[in-house]
Amino acid sequence: MHSEALIATPINLGSSELVSINALVSLAESIGGIKLERKYDLAAPRGVAGRNSDNTMIQGVLGWQPGTPLREGLAKTYAWIEQQYLDRQAGKRTVKDEA
């Protein structure tokens, strides 16, 4: 993506959906069809309860913000990575191999 208004200016291109780490892990488990073992260090410092992208800047500069829901974006990314892995296992060329 290119914009003269954003030369050398980093921006967030993320979902504005607020998600906790536990919810993100559950989402990844659901997409991958697996169940992970979770271990919690209750003595560790506590951070924020969740994360999301503040799209105020991109909306103000570009008049646009990402509209893909987190689940949909993660599912597409997972499918792409999985296909890259399977192709490489089968000896096929992958995106990295083509560069």
PDB file of N, CA and C in Angstrom:
ATOM      1  N   MET A   1       0.842  -1.170   0.000  1.00  0.00           N
ATOM      2  CA  MET A   1       0.000   0.000   0.000  1.00  0.00           C
ATOM      3  C   MET A   1       0.888   1.233   0.000  1.00  0.00           C
ATOM      4  N   HIS A   2       0.532   2.228  -0.758  1.00  0.00           N
ATOM      5  CA  HIS A   2       1.313   3.453  -0.816  1.00  0.00           C
ATOM      6  C   HIS A   2       0.394   4.661  -0.658  1.00  0.00           C
ATOM      7  N   SER A   3       0.847   5.602   0.133  1.00  0.00           N
ATOM      8  CA  SER A   3       0.142   6.860   0.307  1.00  0.00           C
ATOM      9  C   SER A   3       1.164   7.953   0.558  1.00  0.00           C
ATOM     10  N   GLU A   4       1.115   9.021  -0.216  1.00  0.00           N
ATOM     11  CA  GLU A   4       2.040  10.144  -0.030  1.00  0.00           C
ATOM     12  C   GLU A   4       1.917  10.722   1.384  1.00  0.00           C
ATOM     13  N   ALA A   5       0.722  10.621   1.954  1.00  0.00           N
ATOM     14  CA  ALA A   5       0.491  11.171   3.294  1.00  0.00           C
ATOM     15  C   ALA A   5       1.159  10.344   4.384  1.00  0.00           C
ATOM     16  N   LEU A   6       1.609   9.153   4.043  1.00  0.00           N
ATOM     17  CA  LEU A   6       2.175   8.267   5.058  1.00  0.00           C
ATOM     18  C   LEU A   6       3.617   7.848   4.767  1.00  0.00           C
ATOM     19  N   ILE A   7       4.368   8.650   4.049  1.00  0.00           N
ATOM     20  CA  ILE A   7       5.753   8.316   3.754  1.00  0.00           C
ATOM     21  C   ILE A   7       6.524   8.171   5.075  1.00  0.00           C
ATOM     22  N   ALA A   8       7.144   7.019   5.259  1.00  0.00           N
ATOM     23  CA  ALA A   8       7.959   6.719   6.454  1.00  0.00           C
ATOM     24  C   ALA A   8       7.171   6.847   7.762  1.00  0.00           C
ATOM     25  N   THR A   9       5.876   6.682   7.697  1.00  0.00           N
ATOM     26  CA  THR A   9       5.039   6.754   8.894  1.00  0.00           C
ATOM     27  C   THR A   9       4.389   5.396   9.130  1.00  0.00           C
ATOM     28  N   PRO A  10       4.725   4.720  10.236  1.00  0.00           N
ATOM     29  CA  PRO A  10       4.097   3.419  10.501  1.00  0.00           C
ATOM     30  C   PRO A  10       2.629   3.595  10.871  1.00  0.00           C
ATOM     31  N   ILE A  11       1.808   2.656  10.440  1.00  0.00           N
ATOM     32  CA  ILE A  11       0.384   2.674  10.788  1.00  0.00           C
ATOM     33  C   ILE A  11      -0.055   1.274  11.178  1.00  0.00           C
ATOM     34  N   ASN A  12      -1.108   1.196  11.945  1.00  0.00           N
ATOM     35  CA  ASN A  12      -1.716  -0.090  12.276  1.00  0.00           C
ATOM     36  C   ASN A  12      -2.683  -0.472  11.175  1.00  0.00           C
ATOM     37  N   LEU A  13      -2.598  -1.700  10.737  1.00  0.00           N
ATOM     38  CA  LEU A  13      -3.565  -2.245   9.787  1.00  0.00           C
ATOM     39  C   LEU A  13      -4.210  -3.451  10.442  1.00  0.00           C
ATOM     40  N   GLY A  14      -4.794  -3.239  11.593  1.00  0.00           N
ATOM     41  CA  GLY A  14      -5.362  -4.337  12.358  1.00  0.00           C
ATOM     42  C   GLY A  14      -6.832  -4.155  12.626  1.00  0.00           C
ATOM     43  N   SER A  15      -7.379  -5.173  13.221  1.00  0.00           N
ATOM     44  CA  SER A  15      -8.782  -5.169  13.592  1.00  0.00           C
ATOM     45  C   SER A  15      -8.994  -4.286  14.811  1.00  0.00           C
ATOM     46  N   SER A  16     -10.082  -3.567  14.806  1.00  0.00           N
ATOM     47  CA  SER A  16     -10.418  -2.765  15.982  1.00  0.00           C
ATOM     48  C   SER A  16     -11.162  -3.604  17.025  1.00  0.00           C
ATOM     49  N   GLU A  17     -11.347  -4.903  16.732  1.00  0.00           N
ATOM     50  CA  GLU A  17     -12.007  -5.802  17.683  1.00  0.00           C
ATOM     51  C   GLU A  17     -11.108  -6.024  18.896  1.00  0.00           C
ATOM     52  N   LEU A  18     -11.634  -5.791  20.083  1.00  0.00           N
ATOM     53  CA  LEU A  18     -10.894  -6.023  21.315  1.00  0.00           C
ATOM     54  C   LEU A  18     -10.885  -7.516  21.608  1.00  0.00           C
ATOM     55  N   VAL A  19      -9.694  -8.077  21.859  1.00  0.00           N
ATOM     56  CA  VAL A  19      -9.580  -9.513  22.110  1.00  0.00           C
ATOM     57  C   VAL A  19      -8.556  -9.748  23.213  1.00  0.00           C
ATOM     58  N   SER A  20      -8.878 -10.639  24.129  1.00  0.00           N
ATOM     59  CA  SER A  20      -7.935 -11.032  25.174  1.00  0.00           C
ATOM     60  C   SER A  20      -7.018 -12.118  24.613  1.00  0.00           C
ATOM     61  N   ILE A  21      -5.918 -12.346  25.285  1.00  0.00           N
ATOM     62  CA  ILE A  21      -4.999 -13.411  24.858  1.00  0.00           C
ATOM     63  C   ILE A  21      -5.713 -14.762  24.923  1.00  0.00           C
ATOM     64  N   ASN A  22      -6.477 -15.000  25.963  1.00  0.00           N
ATOM     65  CA  ASN A  22      -7.231 -16.261  26.060  1.00  0.00           C
ATOM     66  C   ASN A  22      -8.201 -16.420  24.893  1.00  0.00           C
ATOM     67  N   ALA A  23      -8.884 -15.352  24.537  1.00  0.00           N
ATOM     68  CA  ALA A  23      -9.833 -15.420  23.422  1.00  0.00           C
ATOM     69  C   ALA A  23      -9.091 -15.637  22.104  1.00  0.00           C
ATOM     70  N   LEU A  24      -7.923 -15.023  21.960  1.00  0.00           N
ATOM     71  CA  LEU A  24      -7.118 -15.202  20.753  1.00  0.00           C
ATOM     72  C   LEU A  24      -6.640 -16.650  20.640  1.00  0.00           C
ATOM     73  N   VAL A  25      -6.206 -17.231  21.750  1.00  0.00           N
ATOM     74  CA  VAL A  25      -5.791 -18.633  21.743  1.00  0.00           C
ATOM     75  C   VAL A  25      -6.983 -19.520  21.397  1.00  0.00           C
ATOM     76  N   SER A  26      -8.130 -19.250  21.974  1.00  0.00           N
ATOM     77  CA  SER A  26      -9.330 -20.042  21.664  1.00  0.00           C
ATOM     78  C   SER A  26      -9.687 -19.937  20.187  1.00  0.00           C
ATOM     79  N   LEU A  27      -9.556 -18.753  19.632  1.00  0.00           N
ATOM     80  CA  LEU A  27      -9.833 -18.534  18.218  1.00  0.00           C
ATOM     81  C   LEU A  27      -8.860 -19.336  17.357  1.00  0.00           C
ATOM     82  N   ALA A  28      -7.575 -19.286  17.681  1.00  0.00           N
ATOM     83  CA  ALA A  28      -6.568 -20.053  16.940  1.00  0.00           C
ATOM     84  C   ALA A  28      -6.831 -21.551  17.061  1.00  0.00           C
ATOM     85  N   GLU A  29      -7.208 -22.016  18.247  1.00  0.00           N
ATOM     86  CA  GLU A  29      -7.538 -23.431  18.430  1.00  0.00           C
ATOM     87  C   GLU A  29      -8.706 -23.835  17.542  1.00  0.00           C
ATOM     88  N   SER A  30      -9.713 -22.997  17.501  1.00  0.00           N
ATOM     89  CA  SER A  30     -10.905 -23.273  16.693  1.00  0.00           C
ATOM     90  C   SER A  30     -10.562 -23.362  15.210  1.00  0.00           C
ATOM     91  N   ILE A  31      -9.780 -22.425  14.737  1.00  0.00           N
ATOM     92  CA  ILE A  31      -9.395 -22.397  13.325  1.00  0.00           C
ATOM     93  C   ILE A  31      -8.505 -23.592  12.980  1.00  0.00           C
ATOM     94  N   GLY A  32      -7.558 -23.922  13.876  1.00  0.00           N
ATOM     95  CA  GLY A  32      -6.631 -25.019  13.626  1.00  0.00           C
ATOM     96  C   GLY A  32      -7.183 -26.392  13.949  1.00  0.00           C
ATOM     97  N   GLY A  33      -8.336 -26.427  14.603  1.00  0.00           N
ATOM     98  CA  GLY A  33      -8.929 -27.711  14.966  1.00  0.00           C
ATOM     99  C   GLY A  33      -8.112 -28.471  16.003  1.00  0.00           C
ATOM    100  N   ILE A  34      -7.521 -27.720  16.934  1.00  0.00           N
ATOM    101  CA  ILE A  34      -6.703 -28.332  17.975  1.00  0.00           C
ATOM    102  C   ILE A  34      -7.094 -27.774  19.334  1.00  0.00           C
ATOM    103  N   LYS A  35      -6.578 -28.399  20.375  1.00  0.00           N
ATOM    104  CA  LYS A  35      -6.752 -27.901  21.734  1.00  0.00           C
ATOM    105  C   LYS A  35      -5.373 -27.836  22.367  1.00  0.00           C
ATOM    106  N   LEU A  36      -4.962 -26.665  22.811  1.00  0.00           N
ATOM    107  CA  LEU A  36      -3.655 -26.475  23.415  1.00  0.00           C
ATOM    108  C   LEU A  36      -3.738 -26.569  24.933  1.00  0.00           C
ATOM    109  N   GLU A  37      -2.633 -26.985  25.528  1.00  0.00           N
ATOM    110  CA  GLU A  37      -2.540 -26.979  26.985  1.00  0.00           C
ATOM    111  C   GLU A  37      -2.131 -25.579  27.406  1.00  0.00           C
ATOM    112  N   ARG A  38      -2.889 -24.991  28.279  1.00  0.00           N
ATOM    113  CA  ARG A  38      -2.591 -23.629  28.740  1.00  0.00           C
ATOM    114  C   ARG A  38      -2.023 -23.690  30.146  1.00  0.00           C
ATOM    115  N   LYS A  39      -0.972 -22.912  30.354  1.00  0.00           N
ATOM    116  CA  LYS A  39      -0.359 -22.812  31.672  1.00  0.00           C
ATOM    117  C   LYS A  39      -0.314 -21.343  32.046  1.00  0.00           C
ATOM    118  N   TYR A  40      -0.716 -21.033  33.240  1.00  0.00           N
ATOM    119  CA  TYR A  40      -0.781 -19.649  33.686  1.00  0.00           C
ATOM    120  C   TYR A  40       0.192 -19.427  34.834  1.00  0.00           C
ATOM    121  N   ASP A  41       0.951 -18.356  34.775  1.00  0.00           N
ATOM    122  CA  ASP A  41       1.836 -17.957  35.862  1.00  0.00           C
ATOM    123  C   ASP A  41       1.122 -16.839  36.615  1.00  0.00           C
ATOM    124  N   LEU A  42       0.438 -17.219  37.670  1.00  0.00           N
ATOM    125  CA  LEU A  42      -0.357 -16.247  38.421  1.00  0.00           C
ATOM    126  C   LEU A  42       0.502 -15.245  39.184  1.00  0.00           C
ATOM    127  N   ALA A  43       1.808 -15.521  39.297  1.00  0.00           N
ATOM    128  CA  ALA A  43       2.708 -14.592  39.976  1.00  0.00           C
ATOM    129  C   ALA A  43       3.287 -13.562  39.007  1.00  0.00           C
ATOM    130  N   ALA A  44       3.066 -13.749  37.727  1.00  0.00           N
ATOM    131  CA  ALA A  44       3.619 -12.829  36.718  1.00  0.00           C
ATOM    132  C   ALA A  44       2.887 -11.488  36.775  1.00  0.00           C
ATOM    133  N   PRO A  45       3.582 -10.423  36.364  1.00  0.00           N
ATOM    134  CA  PRO A  45       2.914  -9.113  36.318  1.00  0.00           C
ATOM    135  C   PRO A  45       1.729  -9.161  35.358  1.00  0.00           C
ATOM    136  N   ARG A  46       0.695  -8.427  35.691  1.00  0.00           N
ATOM    137  CA  ARG A  46      -0.497  -8.388  34.837  1.00  0.00           C
ATOM    138  C   ARG A  46      -0.416  -7.214  33.882  1.00  0.00           C
ATOM    139  N   GLY A  47      -0.707  -7.481  32.626  1.00  0.00           N
ATOM    140  CA  GLY A  47      -0.714  -6.426  31.624  1.00  0.00           C
ATOM    141  C   GLY A  47      -2.140  -5.989  31.349  1.00  0.00           C
ATOM    142  N   VAL A  48      -2.367  -5.517  30.150  1.00  0.00           N
ATOM    143  CA  VAL A  48      -3.700  -5.080  29.761  1.00  0.00           C
ATOM    144  C   VAL A  48      -4.608  -6.287  29.588  1.00  0.00           C
ATOM    145  N   ALA A  49      -5.903  -6.081  29.700  1.00  0.00           N
ATOM    146  CA  ALA A  49      -6.868  -7.182  29.615  1.00  0.00           C
ATOM    147  C   ALA A  49      -7.083  -7.662  28.183  1.00  0.00           C
ATOM    148  N   GLY A  50      -6.805  -6.810  27.214  1.00  0.00           N
ATOM    149  CA  GLY A  50      -7.007  -7.198  25.826  1.00  0.00           C
ATOM    150  C   GLY A  50      -6.280  -6.248  24.892  1.00  0.00           C
ATOM    151  N   ARG A  51      -6.293  -6.593  23.606  1.00  0.00           N
ATOM    152  CA  ARG A  51      -5.620  -5.762  22.599  1.00  0.00           C
ATOM    153  C   ARG A  51      -6.549  -5.541  21.419  1.00  0.00           C
ATOM    154  N   ASN A  52      -6.383  -4.409  20.805  1.00  0.00           N
ATOM    155  CA  ASN A  52      -7.043  -4.108  19.540  1.00  0.00           C
ATOM    156  C   ASN A  52      -6.264  -2.993  18.861  1.00  0.00           C
ATOM    157  N   SER A  53      -6.560  -2.758  17.616  1.00  0.00           N
ATOM    158  CA  SER A  53      -5.872  -1.720  16.854  1.00  0.00           C
ATOM    159  C   SER A  53      -6.674  -0.421  16.928  1.00  0.00           C
ATOM    160  N   ASP A  54      -5.983   0.658  17.279  1.00  0.00           N
ATOM    161  CA  ASP A  54      -6.612   1.975  17.241  1.00  0.00           C
ATOM    162  C   ASP A  54      -6.448   2.500  15.818  1.00  0.00           C
ATOM    163  N   ASN A  55      -7.510   2.505  15.061  1.00  0.00           N
ATOM    164  CA  ASN A  55      -7.464   2.888  13.655  1.00  0.00           C
ATOM    165  C   ASN A  55      -7.790   4.357  13.414  1.00  0.00           C
ATOM    166  N   THR A  56      -7.711   5.179  14.459  1.00  0.00           N
ATOM    167  CA  THR A  56      -8.024   6.599  14.337  1.00  0.00           C
ATOM    168  C   THR A  56      -7.137   7.290  13.308  1.00  0.00           C
ATOM    169  N   MET A  57      -5.834   7.019  13.360  1.00  0.00           N
ATOM    170  CA  MET A  57      -4.908   7.689  12.445  1.00  0.00           C
ATOM    171  C   MET A  57      -5.165   7.286  10.992  1.00  0.00           C
ATOM    172  N   ILE A  58      -5.268   5.997  10.732  1.00  0.00           N
ATOM    173  CA  ILE A  58      -5.470   5.551   9.350  1.00  0.00           C
ATOM    174  C   ILE A  58      -6.811   6.059   8.810  1.00  0.00           C
ATOM    175  N   GLN A  59      -7.820   6.085   9.666  1.00  0.00           N
ATOM    176  CA  GLN A  59      -9.129   6.598   9.248  1.00  0.00           C
ATOM    177  C   GLN A  59      -9.028   8.086   8.926  1.00  0.00           C
ATOM    178  N   GLY A  60      -8.299   8.835   9.750  1.00  0.00           N
ATOM    179  CA  GLY A  60      -8.168  10.273   9.526  1.00  0.00           C
ATOM    180  C   GLY A  60      -7.348  10.619   8.290  1.00  0.00           C
ATOM    181  N   VAL A  61      -6.272   9.874   8.053  1.00  0.00           N
ATOM    182  CA  VAL A  61      -5.381  10.168   6.933  1.00  0.00           C
ATOM    183  C   VAL A  61      -5.921   9.616   5.619  1.00  0.00           C
ATOM    184  N   LEU A  62      -6.388   8.382   5.653  1.00  0.00           N
ATOM    185  CA  LEU A  62      -6.812   7.722   4.417  1.00  0.00           C
ATOM    186  C   LEU A  62      -8.325   7.680   4.210  1.00  0.00           C
ATOM    187  N   GLY A  63      -9.073   7.960   5.264  1.00  0.00           N
ATOM    188  CA  GLY A  63     -10.531   7.852   5.162  1.00  0.00           C
ATOM    189  C   GLY A  63     -10.971   6.412   4.997  1.00  0.00           C
ATOM    190  N   TRP A  64     -10.165   5.495   5.508  1.00  0.00           N
ATOM    191  CA  TRP A  64     -10.408   4.060   5.367  1.00  0.00           C
ATOM    192  C   TRP A  64      -9.852   3.348   6.582  1.00  0.00           C
ATOM    193  N   GLN A  65     -10.409   2.196   6.893  1.00  0.00           N
ATOM    194  CA  GLN A  65      -9.831   1.336   7.913  1.00  0.00           C
ATOM    195  C   GLN A  65     -10.145  -0.110   7.568  1.00  0.00           C
ATOM    196  N   PRO A  66      -9.335  -1.045   8.066  1.00  0.00           N
ATOM    197  CA  PRO A  66      -9.570  -2.449   7.755  1.00  0.00           C
ATOM    198  C   PRO A  66     -10.967  -2.885   8.183  1.00  0.00           C
ATOM    199  N   GLY A  67     -11.587  -3.714   7.355  1.00  0.00           N
ATOM    200  CA  GLY A  67     -12.937  -4.177   7.663  1.00  0.00           C
ATOM    201  C   GLY A  67     -13.055  -5.684   7.801  1.00  0.00           C
ATOM    202  N   THR A  68     -11.932  -6.400   7.659  1.00  0.00           N
ATOM    203  CA  THR A  68     -11.964  -7.858   7.772  1.00  0.00           C
ATOM    204  C   THR A  68     -12.038  -8.246   9.239  1.00  0.00           C
ATOM    205  N   PRO A  69     -13.045  -9.019   9.625  1.00  0.00           N
ATOM    206  CA  PRO A  69     -13.126  -9.466  11.022  1.00  0.00           C
ATOM    207  C   PRO A  69     -11.913 -10.313  11.390  1.00  0.00           C
ATOM    208  N   LEU A  70     -11.500 -10.263  12.643  1.00  0.00           N
ATOM    209  CA  LEU A  70     -10.321 -10.977  13.117  1.00  0.00           C
ATOM    210  C   LEU A  70     -10.378 -12.461  12.772  1.00  0.00           C
ATOM    211  N   ARG A  71     -11.493 -13.112  13.048  1.00  0.00           N
ATOM    212  CA  ARG A  71     -11.632 -14.556  12.768  1.00  0.00           C
ATOM    213  C   ARG A  71     -11.391 -14.843  11.288  1.00  0.00           C
ATOM    214  N   GLU A  72     -11.979 -14.044  10.429  1.00  0.00           N
ATOM    215  CA  GLU A  72     -11.839 -14.250   8.984  1.00  0.00           C
ATOM    216  C   GLU A  72     -10.384 -14.066   8.537  1.00  0.00           C
ATOM    217  N   GLY A  73      -9.745 -13.025   9.025  1.00  0.00           N
ATOM    218  CA  GLY A  73      -8.355 -12.771   8.666  1.00  0.00           C
ATOM    219  C   GLY A  73      -7.426 -13.861   9.163  1.00  0.00           C
ATOM    220  N   LEU A  74      -7.633 -14.312  10.407  1.00  0.00           N
ATOM    221  CA  LEU A  74      -6.806 -15.388  10.944  1.00  0.00           C
ATOM    222  C   LEU A  74      -7.039 -16.693  10.196  1.00  0.00           C
ATOM    223  N   ALA A  75      -8.281 -16.977   9.847  1.00  0.00           N
ATOM    224  CA  ALA A  75      -8.590 -18.208   9.115  1.00  0.00           C
ATOM    225  C   ALA A  75      -7.902 -18.204   7.749  1.00  0.00           C
ATOM    226  N   LYS A  76      -7.933 -17.079   7.052  1.00  0.00           N
ATOM    227  CA  LYS A  76      -7.260 -16.984   5.748  1.00  0.00           C
ATOM    228  C   LYS A  76      -5.746 -17.126   5.899  1.00  0.00           C
ATOM    229  N   THR A  77      -5.187 -16.489   6.915  1.00  0.00           N
ATOM    230  CA  THR A  77      -3.751 -16.570   7.153  1.00  0.00           C
ATOM    231  C   THR A  77      -3.352 -18.001   7.505  1.00  0.00           C
ATOM    232  N   TYR A  78      -4.128 -18.648   8.362  1.00  0.00           N
ATOM    233  CA  TYR A  78      -3.854 -20.042   8.745  1.00  0.00           C
ATOM    234  C   TYR A  78      -3.885 -20.946   7.516  1.00  0.00           C
ATOM    235  N   ALA A  79      -4.895 -20.794   6.683  1.00  0.00           N
ATOM    236  CA  ALA A  79      -5.026 -21.629   5.483  1.00  0.00           C
ATOM    237  C   ALA A  79      -3.835 -21.425   4.552  1.00  0.00           C
ATOM    238  N   TRP A  80      -3.378 -20.194   4.393  1.00  0.00           N
ATOM    239  CA  TRP A  80      -2.233 -19.906   3.534  1.00  0.00           C
ATOM    240  C   TRP A  80      -0.968 -20.556   4.075  1.00  0.00           C
ATOM    241  N   ILE A  81      -0.720 -20.389   5.390  1.00  0.00           N
ATOM    242  CA  ILE A  81       0.469 -20.978   6.009  1.00  0.00           C
ATOM    243  C   ILE A  81       0.412 -22.501   5.913  1.00  0.00           C
ATOM    244  N   GLU A  82      -0.743 -23.070   6.180  1.00  0.00           N
ATOM    245  CA  GLU A  82      -0.897 -24.523   6.100  1.00  0.00           C
ATOM    246  C   GLU A  82      -0.609 -25.024   4.683  1.00  0.00           C
ATOM    247  N   GLN A  83      -1.094 -24.316   3.678  1.00  0.00           N
ATOM    248  CA  GLN A  83      -0.855 -24.725   2.295  1.00  0.00           C
ATOM    249  C   GLN A  83       0.623 -24.605   1.937  1.00  0.00           C
ATOM    250  N   GLN A  84       1.280 -23.544   2.410  1.00  0.00           N
ATOM    251  CA  GLN A  84       2.715 -23.404   2.188  1.00  0.00           C
ATOM    252  C   GLN A  84       3.474 -24.582   2.795  1.00  0.00           C
ATOM    253  N   TYR A  85       3.088 -24.960   3.997  1.00  0.00           N
ATOM    254  CA  TYR A  85       3.727 -26.083   4.690  1.00  0.00           C
ATOM    255  C   TYR A  85       3.511 -27.384   3.912  1.00  0.00           C
ATOM    256  N   LEU A  86       2.274 -27.657   3.539  1.00  0.00           N
ATOM    257  CA  LEU A  86       1.967 -28.890   2.807  1.00  0.00           C
ATOM    258  C   LEU A  86       2.680 -28.933   1.457  1.00  0.00           C
ATOM    259  N   ASP A  87       2.710 -27.813   0.757  1.00  0.00           N
ATOM    260  CA  ASP A  87       3.403 -27.763  -0.524  1.00  0.00           C
ATOM    261  C   ASP A  87       4.897 -28.041  -0.350  1.00  0.00           C
ATOM    262  N   ARG A  88       5.484 -27.457   0.659  1.00  0.00           N
ATOM    263  CA  ARG A  88       6.912 -27.675   0.892  1.00  0.00           C
ATOM    264  C   ARG A  88       7.176 -29.135   1.254  1.00  0.00           C
ATOM    265  N   GLN A  89       6.303 -29.723   2.078  1.00  0.00           N
ATOM    266  CA  GLN A  89       6.452 -31.132   2.442  1.00  0.00           C
ATOM    267  C   GLN A  89       6.359 -32.029   1.207  1.00  0.00           C
ATOM    268  N   ALA A  90       5.550 -31.620   0.236  1.00  0.00           N
ATOM    269  CA  ALA A  90       5.359 -32.398  -0.994  1.00  0.00           C
ATOM    270  C   ALA A  90       6.423 -32.079  -2.044  1.00  0.00           C
ATOM    271  N   GLY A  91       7.375 -31.210  -1.698  1.00  0.00           N
ATOM    272  CA  GLY A  91       8.432 -30.865  -2.629  1.00  0.00           C
ATOM    273  C   GLY A  91       8.036 -29.838  -3.672  1.00  0.00           C
ATOM    274  N   LYS A  92       6.903 -29.204  -3.487  1.00  0.00           N
ATOM    275  CA  LYS A  92       6.455 -28.167  -4.429  1.00  0.00           C
ATOM    276  C   LYS A  92       7.105 -26.838  -4.093  1.00  0.00           C
ATOM    277  N   ARG A  93       7.146 -25.973  -5.090  1.00  0.00           N
ATOM    278  CA  ARG A  93       7.668 -24.624  -4.874  1.00  0.00           C
ATOM    279  C   ARG A  93       6.691 -23.840  -3.997  1.00  0.00           C
ATOM    280  N   THR A  94       7.238 -23.034  -3.104  1.00  0.00           N
ATOM    281  CA  THR A  94       6.416 -22.181  -2.256  1.00  0.00           C
ATOM    282  C   THR A  94       6.751 -20.736  -2.556  1.00  0.00           C
ATOM    283  N   VAL A  95       6.027 -19.821  -1.948  1.00  0.00           N
ATOM    284  CA  VAL A  95       6.236 -18.396  -2.196  1.00  0.00           C
ATOM    285  C   VAL A  95       7.680 -18.019  -1.920  1.00  0.00           C
ATOM    286  N   LYS A  96       8.264 -18.521  -0.825  1.00  0.00           N
ATOM    287  CA  LYS A  96       9.655 -18.222  -0.477  1.00  0.00           C
ATOM    288  C   LYS A  96      10.583 -18.730  -1.583  1.00  0.00           C
ATOM    289  N   ASP A  97      10.306 -19.930  -2.108  1.00  0.00           N
ATOM    290  CA  ASP A  97      11.147 -20.525  -3.141  1.00  0.00           C
ATOM    291  C   ASP A  97      11.119 -19.717  -4.433  1.00  0.00           C
ATOM    292  N   GLU A  98      10.015 -19.005  -4.678  1.00  0.00           N
ATOM    293  CA  GLU A  98       9.848 -18.272  -5.931  1.00  0.00           C
ATOM    294  C   GLU A  98      10.514 -16.911  -5.889  1.00  0.00           C
ATOM    295  N   ALA A  99      10.860 -16.434  -4.708  1.00  0.00           N
ATOM    296  CA  ALA A  99      11.451 -15.089  -4.571  1.00  0.00           C
ATOM    297  C   ALA A  99      12.867 -15.045  -5.104  1.00  0.00           C
TER     298      ALA A  99
END
